[in-house]
Amino acid sequence: MRIVSHKKLKEFYETKGRESSRIALERWYDITGKAEWKNLSDVKVDFPATDYISNQHYVFNIRGNNYRLVVVIKFTIGYIYVRWVGTHEEYDKIDCSTI
């Protein structure tokens, strides 16, 4: 899969107080970059706790559900767009289907 953009992940984990997300986000990036997912079932092989929200938006639990990652996955073209990353508490305050 092709991931757009690594920069959002890096900016997040380089922010003071969020450094603990670095290893988990980089692990997600490495696994996802090597994947060839065709559907949600393929995603769940690598990340069983992934949820489909709507409108091609998916949520990944990161680092034991301390953080959440919202992405748009375009299976047909093999692209993933990082839309949002934050704490579980911050996630509860957003509508991730419209990000």
PDB file of N, CA and C in Angstrom:
ATOM      1  N   MET A   1       0.854  -1.173   0.000  1.00  0.00           N
ATOM      2  CA  MET A   1       0.000   0.000   0.000  1.00  0.00           C
ATOM      3  C   MET A   1       0.903   1.241   0.000  1.00  0.00           C
ATOM      4  N   ARG A   2       0.416   2.255  -0.625  1.00  0.00           N
ATOM      5  CA  ARG A   2       1.135   3.530  -0.661  1.00  0.00           C
ATOM      6  C   ARG A   2       0.483   4.469   0.363  1.00  0.00           C
ATOM      7  N   ILE A   3       1.266   5.013   1.269  1.00  0.00           N
ATOM      8  CA  ILE A   3       0.723   5.804   2.374  1.00  0.00           C
ATOM      9  C   ILE A   3       1.020   7.281   2.165  1.00  0.00           C
ATOM     10  N   VAL A   4      -0.034   8.081   2.258  1.00  0.00           N
ATOM     11  CA  VAL A   4       0.045   9.539   2.151  1.00  0.00           C
ATOM     12  C   VAL A   4      -0.560  10.084   3.451  1.00  0.00           C
ATOM     13  N   SER A   5       0.083  10.607   4.407  1.00  0.00           N
ATOM     14  CA  SER A   5       1.452  11.024   4.396  1.00  0.00           C
ATOM     15  C   SER A   5       2.116  10.611   5.691  1.00  0.00           C
ATOM     16  N   HIS A   6       3.357  10.214   5.589  1.00  0.00           N
ATOM     17  CA  HIS A   6       4.160   9.851   6.755  1.00  0.00           C
ATOM     18  C   HIS A   6       4.408  11.079   7.630  1.00  0.00           C
ATOM     19  N   LYS A   7       4.438  12.237   7.007  1.00  0.00           N
ATOM     20  CA  LYS A   7       4.712  13.490   7.716  1.00  0.00           C
ATOM     21  C   LYS A   7       3.724  13.717   8.868  1.00  0.00           C
ATOM     22  N   LYS A   8       2.444  13.410   8.672  1.00  0.00           N
ATOM     23  CA  LYS A   8       1.452  13.603   9.739  1.00  0.00           C
ATOM     24  C   LYS A   8       1.758  12.719  10.937  1.00  0.00           C
ATOM     25  N   LEU A   9       2.177  11.497  10.674  1.00  0.00           N
ATOM     26  CA  LEU A   9       2.522  10.595  11.771  1.00  0.00           C
ATOM     27  C   LEU A   9       3.732  11.125  12.531  1.00  0.00           C
ATOM     28  N   LYS A  10       4.753  11.530  11.781  1.00  0.00           N
ATOM     29  CA  LYS A  10       5.983  12.033  12.379  1.00  0.00           C
ATOM     30  C   LYS A  10       5.724  13.293  13.205  1.00  0.00           C
ATOM     31  N   GLU A  11       4.943  14.216  12.664  1.00  0.00           N
ATOM     32  CA  GLU A  11       4.610  15.436  13.406  1.00  0.00           C
ATOM     33  C   GLU A  11       3.899  15.102  14.709  1.00  0.00           C
ATOM     34  N   PHE A  12       3.040  14.094  14.664  1.00  0.00           N
ATOM     35  CA  PHE A  12       2.307  13.711  15.864  1.00  0.00           C
ATOM     36  C   PHE A  12       3.246  13.158  16.920  1.00  0.00           C
ATOM     37  N   TYR A  13       4.063  12.165  16.566  1.00  0.00           N
ATOM     38  CA  TYR A  13       4.889  11.544  17.599  1.00  0.00           C
ATOM     39  C   TYR A  13       6.087  12.388  18.016  1.00  0.00           C
ATOM     40  N   GLU A  14       6.384  13.428  17.274  1.00  0.00           N
ATOM     41  CA  GLU A  14       7.445  14.348  17.697  1.00  0.00           C
ATOM     42  C   GLU A  14       6.916  15.476  18.576  1.00  0.00           C
ATOM     43  N   THR A  15       5.616  15.524  18.775  1.00  0.00           N
ATOM     44  CA  THR A  15       5.003  16.517  19.642  1.00  0.00           C
ATOM     45  C   THR A  15       5.227  16.127  21.104  1.00  0.00           C
ATOM     46  N   LYS A  16       5.578  17.095  21.900  1.00  0.00           N
ATOM     47  CA  LYS A  16       5.831  16.849  23.324  1.00  0.00           C
ATOM     48  C   LYS A  16       4.632  16.166  23.972  1.00  0.00           C
ATOM     49  N   GLY A  17       4.906  15.108  24.705  1.00  0.00           N
ATOM     50  CA  GLY A  17       3.862  14.361  25.396  1.00  0.00           C
ATOM     51  C   GLY A  17       3.282  13.215  24.586  1.00  0.00           C
ATOM     52  N   ARG A  18       3.670  13.116  23.321  1.00  0.00           N
ATOM     53  CA  ARG A  18       3.130  12.047  22.465  1.00  0.00           C
ATOM     54  C   ARG A  18       4.217  11.119  21.939  1.00  0.00           C
ATOM     55  N   GLU A  19       5.404  11.253  22.499  1.00  0.00           N
ATOM     56  CA  GLU A  19       6.550  10.472  22.050  1.00  0.00           C
ATOM     57  C   GLU A  19       6.323   8.969  22.181  1.00  0.00           C
ATOM     58  N   SER A  20       5.470   8.566  23.113  1.00  0.00           N
ATOM     59  CA  SER A  20       5.230   7.135  23.335  1.00  0.00           C
ATOM     60  C   SER A  20       4.521   6.462  22.165  1.00  0.00           C
ATOM     61  N   SER A  21       4.007   7.251  21.234  1.00  0.00           N
ATOM     62  CA  SER A  21       3.314   6.675  20.069  1.00  0.00           C
ATOM     63  C   SER A  21       4.271   6.344  18.926  1.00  0.00           C
ATOM     64  N   ARG A  22       5.519   6.777  19.023  1.00  0.00           N
ATOM     65  CA  ARG A  22       6.460   6.651  17.900  1.00  0.00           C
ATOM     66  C   ARG A  22       6.641   5.214  17.414  1.00  0.00           C
ATOM     67  N   ILE A  23       7.016   4.317  18.294  1.00  0.00           N
ATOM     68  CA  ILE A  23       7.295   2.937  17.884  1.00  0.00           C
ATOM     69  C   ILE A  23       6.058   2.297  17.263  1.00  0.00           C
ATOM     70  N   ALA A  24       4.899   2.481  17.870  1.00  0.00           N
ATOM     71  CA  ALA A  24       3.671   1.874  17.355  1.00  0.00           C
ATOM     72  C   ALA A  24       3.269   2.463  16.003  1.00  0.00           C
ATOM     73  N   LEU A  25       3.392   3.771  15.842  1.00  0.00           N
ATOM     74  CA  LEU A  25       3.039   4.390  14.558  1.00  0.00           C
ATOM     75  C   LEU A  25       4.015   3.991  13.458  1.00  0.00           C
ATOM     76  N   GLU A  26       5.289   3.904  13.777  1.00  0.00           N
ATOM     77  CA  GLU A  26       6.268   3.470  12.781  1.00  0.00           C
ATOM     78  C   GLU A  26       6.063   2.002  12.420  1.00  0.00           C
ATOM     79  N   ARG A  27       5.685   1.208  13.393  1.00  0.00           N
ATOM     80  CA  ARG A  27       5.375  -0.208  13.113  1.00  0.00           C
ATOM     81  C   ARG A  27       4.176  -0.293  12.176  1.00  0.00           C
ATOM     82  N   TRP A  28       3.120   0.483  12.452  1.00  0.00           N
ATOM     83  CA  TRP A  28       1.951   0.515  11.570  1.00  0.00           C
ATOM     84  C   TRP A  28       2.375   0.916  10.157  1.00  0.00           C
ATOM     85  N   TYR A  29       3.205   1.950  10.056  1.00  0.00           N
ATOM     86  CA  TYR A  29       3.652   2.449   8.759  1.00  0.00           C
ATOM     87  C   TYR A  29       4.435   1.376   7.999  1.00  0.00           C
ATOM     88  N   ASP A  30       5.339   0.685   8.665  1.00  0.00           N
ATOM     89  CA  ASP A  30       6.149  -0.352   8.026  1.00  0.00           C
ATOM     90  C   ASP A  30       5.296  -1.520   7.539  1.00  0.00           C
ATOM     91  N   ILE A  31       4.415  -2.006   8.397  1.00  0.00           N
ATOM     92  CA  ILE A  31       3.555  -3.137   8.020  1.00  0.00           C
ATOM     93  C   ILE A  31       2.630  -2.747   6.879  1.00  0.00           C
ATOM     94  N   THR A  32       2.031  -1.586   6.987  1.00  0.00           N
ATOM     95  CA  THR A  32       1.076  -1.120   5.986  1.00  0.00           C
ATOM     96  C   THR A  32       1.747  -0.861   4.641  1.00  0.00           C
ATOM     97  N   GLY A  33       2.947  -0.310   4.670  1.00  0.00           N
ATOM     98  CA  GLY A  33       3.668  -0.030   3.434  1.00  0.00           C
ATOM     99  C   GLY A  33       4.024  -1.280   2.650  1.00  0.00           C
ATOM    100  N   LYS A  34       4.143  -2.401   3.329  1.00  0.00           N
ATOM    101  CA  LYS A  34       4.474  -3.675   2.672  1.00  0.00           C
ATOM    102  C   LYS A  34       3.226  -4.476   2.302  1.00  0.00           C
ATOM    103  N   ALA A  35       2.085  -4.071   2.808  1.00  0.00           N
ATOM    104  CA  ALA A  35       0.842  -4.824   2.601  1.00  0.00           C
ATOM    105  C   ALA A  35       0.285  -4.638   1.191  1.00  0.00           C
ATOM    106  N   GLU A  36      -0.543  -5.587   0.799  1.00  0.00           N
ATOM    107  CA  GLU A  36      -1.272  -5.506  -0.471  1.00  0.00           C
ATOM    108  C   GLU A  36      -2.739  -5.825  -0.194  1.00  0.00           C
ATOM    109  N   TRP A  37      -3.344  -4.988   0.619  1.00  0.00           N
ATOM    110  CA  TRP A  37      -4.720  -5.218   1.032  1.00  0.00           C
ATOM    111  C   TRP A  37      -5.698  -4.984  -0.109  1.00  0.00           C
ATOM    112  N   LYS A  38      -6.708  -5.835  -0.171  1.00  0.00           N
ATOM    113  CA  LYS A  38      -7.773  -5.693  -1.171  1.00  0.00           C
ATOM    114  C   LYS A  38      -9.124  -5.389  -0.533  1.00  0.00           C
ATOM    115  N   ASN A  39      -9.217  -5.587   0.800  1.00  0.00           N
ATOM    116  CA  ASN A  39     -10.478  -5.365   1.507  1.00  0.00           C
ATOM    117  C   ASN A  39     -10.222  -5.347   3.014  1.00  0.00           C
ATOM    118  N   LEU A  40     -11.270  -5.101   3.784  1.00  0.00           N
ATOM    119  CA  LEU A  40     -11.140  -5.018   5.239  1.00  0.00           C
ATOM    120  C   LEU A  40     -10.658  -6.332   5.842  1.00  0.00           C
ATOM    121  N   SER A  41     -11.047  -7.447   5.293  1.00  0.00           N
ATOM    122  CA  SER A  41     -10.585  -8.736   5.815  1.00  0.00           C
ATOM    123  C   SER A  41      -9.069  -8.842   5.742  1.00  0.00           C
ATOM    124  N   ASP A  42      -8.482  -8.345   4.669  1.00  0.00           N
ATOM    125  CA  ASP A  42      -7.023  -8.343   4.542  1.00  0.00           C
ATOM    126  C   ASP A  42      -6.390  -7.453   5.609  1.00  0.00           C
ATOM    127  N   VAL A  43      -6.990  -6.301   5.848  1.00  0.00           N
ATOM    128  CA  VAL A  43      -6.478  -5.371   6.868  1.00  0.00           C
ATOM    129  C   VAL A  43      -6.481  -6.049   8.229  1.00  0.00           C
ATOM    130  N   LYS A  44      -7.572  -6.744   8.539  1.00  0.00           N
ATOM    131  CA  LYS A  44      -7.736  -7.357   9.851  1.00  0.00           C
ATOM    132  C   LYS A  44      -6.765  -8.505  10.106  1.00  0.00           C
ATOM    133  N   VAL A  45      -6.178  -9.052   9.058  1.00  0.00           N
ATOM    134  CA  VAL A  45      -5.126 -10.058   9.257  1.00  0.00           C
ATOM    135  C   VAL A  45      -3.938  -9.414   9.964  1.00  0.00           C
ATOM    136  N   ASP A  46      -3.579  -8.195   9.550  1.00  0.00           N
ATOM    137  CA  ASP A  46      -2.459  -7.479  10.156  1.00  0.00           C
ATOM    138  C   ASP A  46      -2.856  -6.688  11.397  1.00  0.00           C
ATOM    139  N   PHE A  47      -4.055  -6.138  11.383  1.00  0.00           N
ATOM    140  CA  PHE A  47      -4.535  -5.285  12.480  1.00  0.00           C
ATOM    141  C   PHE A  47      -5.977  -5.680  12.821  1.00  0.00           C
ATOM    142  N   PRO A  48      -6.148  -6.700  13.669  1.00  0.00           N
ATOM    143  CA  PRO A  48      -7.487  -7.227  13.961  1.00  0.00           C
ATOM    144  C   PRO A  48      -8.476  -6.228  14.558  1.00  0.00           C
ATOM    145  N   ALA A  49      -7.994  -5.205  15.238  1.00  0.00           N
ATOM    146  CA  ALA A  49      -8.895  -4.256  15.911  1.00  0.00           C
ATOM    147  C   ALA A  49      -9.303  -3.086  15.015  1.00  0.00           C
ATOM    148  N   THR A  50      -9.037  -3.166  13.728  1.00  0.00           N
ATOM    149  CA  THR A  50      -9.396  -2.090  12.808  1.00  0.00           C
ATOM    150  C   THR A  50     -10.913  -2.051  12.615  1.00  0.00           C
ATOM    151  N   ASP A  51     -11.460  -0.832  12.590  1.00  0.00           N
ATOM    152  CA  ASP A  51     -12.902  -0.661  12.380  1.00  0.00           C
ATOM    153  C   ASP A  51     -13.162   0.159  11.129  1.00  0.00           C
ATOM    154  N   TYR A  52     -14.187  -0.263  10.374  1.00  0.00           N
ATOM    155  CA  TYR A  52     -14.656   0.525   9.240  1.00  0.00           C
ATOM    156  C   TYR A  52     -15.708   1.491   9.770  1.00  0.00           C
ATOM    157  N   ILE A  53     -15.578   2.767   9.448  1.00  0.00           N
ATOM    158  CA  ILE A  53     -16.530   3.765   9.931  1.00  0.00           C
ATOM    159  C   ILE A  53     -17.583   4.029   8.856  1.00  0.00           C
ATOM    160  N   SER A  54     -17.175   4.628   7.779  1.00  0.00           N
ATOM    161  CA  SER A  54     -18.035   4.872   6.613  1.00  0.00           C
ATOM    162  C   SER A  54     -17.222   5.639   5.590  1.00  0.00           C
ATOM    163  N   ASN A  55     -17.715   5.687   4.370  1.00  0.00           N
ATOM    164  CA  ASN A  55     -17.102   6.508   3.332  1.00  0.00           C
ATOM    165  C   ASN A  55     -15.594   6.259   3.190  1.00  0.00           C
ATOM    166  N   GLN A  56     -15.206   4.985   3.213  1.00  0.00           N
ATOM    167  CA  GLN A  56     -13.820   4.538   3.058  1.00  0.00           C
ATOM    168  C   GLN A  56     -12.906   4.948   4.212  1.00  0.00           C
ATOM    169  N   HIS A  57     -13.483   5.353   5.346  1.00  0.00           N
ATOM    170  CA  HIS A  57     -12.722   5.740   6.528  1.00  0.00           C
ATOM    171  C   HIS A  57     -12.579   4.536   7.471  1.00  0.00           C
ATOM    172  N   TYR A  58     -11.350   4.326   7.938  1.00  0.00           N
ATOM    173  CA  TYR A  58     -11.035   3.228   8.839  1.00  0.00           C
ATOM    174  C   TYR A  58     -10.297   3.765  10.052  1.00  0.00           C
ATOM    175  N   VAL A  59     -10.498   3.109  11.199  1.00  0.00           N
ATOM    176  CA  VAL A  59      -9.844   3.530  12.441  1.00  0.00           C
ATOM    177  C   VAL A  59      -8.974   2.387  12.950  1.00  0.00           C
ATOM    178  N   PHE A  60      -7.723   2.722  13.238  1.00  0.00           N
ATOM    179  CA  PHE A  60      -6.770   1.776  13.806  1.00  0.00           C
ATOM    180  C   PHE A  60      -6.518   2.150  15.255  1.00  0.00           C
ATOM    181  N   ASN A  61      -6.515   1.155  16.125  1.00  0.00           N
ATOM    182  CA  ASN A  61      -6.105   1.353  17.513  1.00  0.00           C
ATOM    183  C   ASN A  61      -4.589   1.252  17.548  1.00  0.00           C
ATOM    184  N   ILE A  62      -3.955   2.244  18.116  1.00  0.00           N
ATOM    185  CA  ILE A  62      -2.493   2.302  18.159  1.00  0.00           C
ATOM    186  C   ILE A  62      -2.016   2.259  19.607  1.00  0.00           C
ATOM    187  N   ARG A  63      -1.008   1.458  19.837  1.00  0.00           N
ATOM    188  CA  ARG A  63      -0.379   1.310  21.155  1.00  0.00           C
ATOM    189  C   ARG A  63      -1.396   0.975  22.249  1.00  0.00           C
ATOM    190  N   GLY A  64      -2.011  -0.173  22.072  1.00  0.00           N
ATOM    191  CA  GLY A  64      -2.946  -0.645  23.085  1.00  0.00           C
ATOM    192  C   GLY A  64      -4.155   0.249  23.253  1.00  0.00           C
ATOM    193  N   ASN A  65      -4.577   0.876  22.167  1.00  0.00           N
ATOM    194  CA  ASN A  65      -5.754   1.736  22.146  1.00  0.00           C
ATOM    195  C   ASN A  65      -5.542   3.061  22.874  1.00  0.00           C
ATOM    196  N   ASN A  66      -4.284   3.426  23.125  1.00  0.00           N
ATOM    197  CA  ASN A  66      -4.006   4.741  23.704  1.00  0.00           C
ATOM    198  C   ASN A  66      -4.166   5.834  22.654  1.00  0.00           C
ATOM    199  N   TYR A  67      -3.922   5.467  21.413  1.00  0.00           N
ATOM    200  CA  TYR A  67      -4.021   6.416  20.303  1.00  0.00           C
ATOM    201  C   TYR A  67      -4.922   5.837  19.231  1.00  0.00           C
ATOM    202  N   ARG A  68      -5.445   6.728  18.412  1.00  0.00           N
ATOM    203  CA  ARG A  68      -6.288   6.319  17.286  1.00  0.00           C
ATOM    204  C   ARG A  68      -5.749   6.952  16.017  1.00  0.00           C
ATOM    205  N   LEU A  69      -5.837   6.191  14.929  1.00  0.00           N
ATOM    206  CA  LEU A  69      -5.392   6.647  13.626  1.00  0.00           C
ATOM    207  C   LEU A  69      -6.550   6.478  12.650  1.00  0.00           C
ATOM    208  N   VAL A  70      -6.968   7.575  12.027  1.00  0.00           N
ATOM    209  CA  VAL A  70      -8.058   7.540  11.053  1.00  0.00           C
ATOM    210  C   VAL A  70      -7.441   7.705   9.665  1.00  0.00           C
ATOM    211  N   VAL A  71      -7.772   6.773   8.785  1.00  0.00           N
ATOM    212  CA  VAL A  71      -7.261   6.813   7.416  1.00  0.00           C
ATOM    213  C   VAL A  71      -8.391   6.572   6.432  1.00  0.00           C
ATOM    214  N   VAL A  72      -8.154   6.988   5.201  1.00  0.00           N
ATOM    215  CA  VAL A  72      -9.024   6.629   4.087  1.00  0.00           C
ATOM    216  C   VAL A  72      -8.253   5.604   3.275  1.00  0.00           C
ATOM    217  N   ILE A  73      -8.871   4.457   3.020  1.00  0.00           N
ATOM    218  CA  ILE A  73      -8.212   3.421   2.237  1.00  0.00           C
ATOM    219  C   ILE A  73      -8.912   3.288   0.889  1.00  0.00           C
ATOM    220  N   LYS A  74      -8.145   3.449  -0.165  1.00  0.00           N
ATOM    221  CA  LYS A  74      -8.614   3.258  -1.543  1.00  0.00           C
ATOM    222  C   LYS A  74      -8.022   1.932  -2.023  1.00  0.00           C
ATOM    223  N   PHE A  75      -8.737   0.848  -1.762  1.00  0.00           N
ATOM    224  CA  PHE A  75      -8.226  -0.482  -2.077  1.00  0.00           C
ATOM    225  C   PHE A  75      -7.928  -0.657  -3.569  1.00  0.00           C
ATOM    226  N   THR A  76      -8.768  -0.102  -4.422  1.00  0.00           N
ATOM    227  CA  THR A  76      -8.618  -0.330  -5.863  1.00  0.00           C
ATOM    228  C   THR A  76      -7.319   0.243  -6.426  1.00  0.00           C
ATOM    229  N   ILE A  77      -6.818   1.322  -5.827  1.00  0.00           N
ATOM    230  CA  ILE A  77      -5.577   1.916  -6.326  1.00  0.00           C
ATOM    231  C   ILE A  77      -4.404   1.716  -5.365  1.00  0.00           C
ATOM    232  N   GLY A  78      -4.667   1.087  -4.213  1.00  0.00           N
ATOM    233  CA  GLY A  78      -3.605   0.775  -3.271  1.00  0.00           C
ATOM    234  C   GLY A  78      -3.061   1.959  -2.495  1.00  0.00           C
ATOM    235  N   TYR A  79      -3.903   2.931  -2.214  1.00  0.00           N
ATOM    236  CA  TYR A  79      -3.472   4.127  -1.486  1.00  0.00           C
ATOM    237  C   TYR A  79      -4.175   4.215  -0.138  1.00  0.00           C
ATOM    238  N   ILE A  80      -3.424   4.738   0.824  1.00  0.00           N
ATOM    239  CA  ILE A  80      -3.969   5.039   2.151  1.00  0.00           C
ATOM    240  C   ILE A  80      -3.642   6.489   2.450  1.00  0.00           C
ATOM    241  N   TYR A  81      -4.655   7.240   2.838  1.00  0.00           N
ATOM    242  CA  TYR A  81      -4.491   8.654   3.168  1.00  0.00           C
ATOM    243  C   TYR A  81      -4.665   8.826   4.669  1.00  0.00           C
ATOM    244  N   VAL A  82      -3.606   9.281   5.340  1.00  0.00           N
ATOM    245  CA  VAL A  82      -3.680   9.545   6.776  1.00  0.00           C
ATOM    246  C   VAL A  82      -4.499  10.811   6.956  1.00  0.00           C
ATOM    247  N   ARG A  83      -5.615  10.685   7.641  1.00  0.00           N
ATOM    248  CA  ARG A  83      -6.517  11.825   7.824  1.00  0.00           C
ATOM    249  C   ARG A  83      -6.370  12.465   9.201  1.00  0.00           C
ATOM    250  N   TRP A  84      -6.117  11.628  10.226  1.00  0.00           N
ATOM    251  CA  TRP A  84      -6.080  12.169  11.586  1.00  0.00           C
ATOM    252  C   TRP A  84      -5.379  11.164  12.493  1.00  0.00           C
ATOM    253  N   VAL A  85      -4.645  11.681  13.470  1.00  0.00           N
ATOM    254  CA  VAL A  85      -4.049  10.845  14.512  1.00  0.00           C
ATOM    255  C   VAL A  85      -4.155  11.607  15.822  1.00  0.00           C
ATOM    256  N   GLY A  86      -4.511  10.906  16.883  1.00  0.00           N
ATOM    257  CA  GLY A  86      -4.673  11.561  18.174  1.00  0.00           C
ATOM    258  C   GLY A  86      -4.873  10.552  19.281  1.00  0.00           C
ATOM    259  N   THR A  87      -5.122  11.068  20.466  1.00  0.00           N
ATOM    260  CA  THR A  87      -5.366  10.197  21.611  1.00  0.00           C
ATOM    261  C   THR A  87      -6.784   9.638  21.522  1.00  0.00           C
ATOM    262  N   HIS A  88      -7.006   8.598  22.289  1.00  0.00           N
ATOM    263  CA  HIS A  88      -8.349   8.020  22.336  1.00  0.00           C
ATOM    264  C   HIS A  88      -9.351   9.068  22.820  1.00  0.00           C
ATOM    265  N   GLU A  89      -8.955   9.853  23.801  1.00  0.00           N
ATOM    266  CA  GLU A  89      -9.831  10.900  24.333  1.00  0.00           C
ATOM    267  C   GLU A  89     -10.178  11.940  23.266  1.00  0.00           C
ATOM    268  N   GLU A  90      -9.198  12.351  22.467  1.00  0.00           N
ATOM    269  CA  GLU A  90      -9.438  13.312  21.379  1.00  0.00           C
ATOM    270  C   GLU A  90     -10.341  12.705  20.307  1.00  0.00           C
ATOM    271  N   TYR A  91     -10.161  11.431  20.054  1.00  0.00           N
ATOM    272  CA  TYR A  91     -10.973  10.728  19.060  1.00  0.00           C
ATOM    273  C   TYR A  91     -12.447  10.776  19.420  1.00  0.00           C
ATOM    274  N   ASP A  92     -12.754  10.665  20.688  1.00  0.00           N
ATOM    275  CA  ASP A  92     -14.144  10.672  21.137  1.00  0.00           C
ATOM    276  C   ASP A  92     -14.853  12.002  20.835  1.00  0.00           C
ATOM    277  N   LYS A  93     -14.092  13.037  20.534  1.00  0.00           N
ATOM    278  CA  LYS A  93     -14.652  14.369  20.293  1.00  0.00           C
ATOM    279  C   LYS A  93     -14.796  14.714  18.810  1.00  0.00           C
ATOM    280  N   ILE A  94     -14.423  13.801  17.910  1.00  0.00           N
ATOM    281  CA  ILE A  94     -14.495  14.098  16.487  1.00  0.00           C
ATOM    282  C   ILE A  94     -15.491  13.199  15.767  1.00  0.00           C
ATOM    283  N   ASP A  95     -15.878  13.608  14.585  1.00  0.00           N
ATOM    284  CA  ASP A  95     -16.667  12.761  13.700  1.00  0.00           C
ATOM    285  C   ASP A  95     -15.730  12.272  12.605  1.00  0.00           C
ATOM    286  N   CYS A  96     -15.162  11.083  12.827  1.00  0.00           N
ATOM    287  CA  CYS A  96     -14.096  10.635  11.931  1.00  0.00           C
ATOM    288  C   CYS A  96     -14.596  10.273  10.542  1.00  0.00           C
ATOM    289  N   SER A  97     -15.881  10.164  10.331  1.00  0.00           N
ATOM    290  CA  SER A  97     -16.387   9.826   8.995  1.00  0.00           C
ATOM    291  C   SER A  97     -16.343  11.021   8.057  1.00  0.00           C
ATOM    292  N   THR A  98     -16.108  12.226   8.604  1.00  0.00           N
ATOM    293  CA  THR A  98     -16.114  13.422   7.764  1.00  0.00           C
ATOM    294  C   THR A  98     -14.749  14.125   7.702  1.00  0.00           C
ATOM    295  N   ILE A  99     -13.742  13.547   8.332  1.00  0.00           N
ATOM    296  CA  ILE A  99     -12.419  14.182   8.355  1.00  0.00           C
ATOM    297  C   ILE A  99     -11.801  14.073   6.968  1.00  0.00           C
TER     298      ILE A  99
END
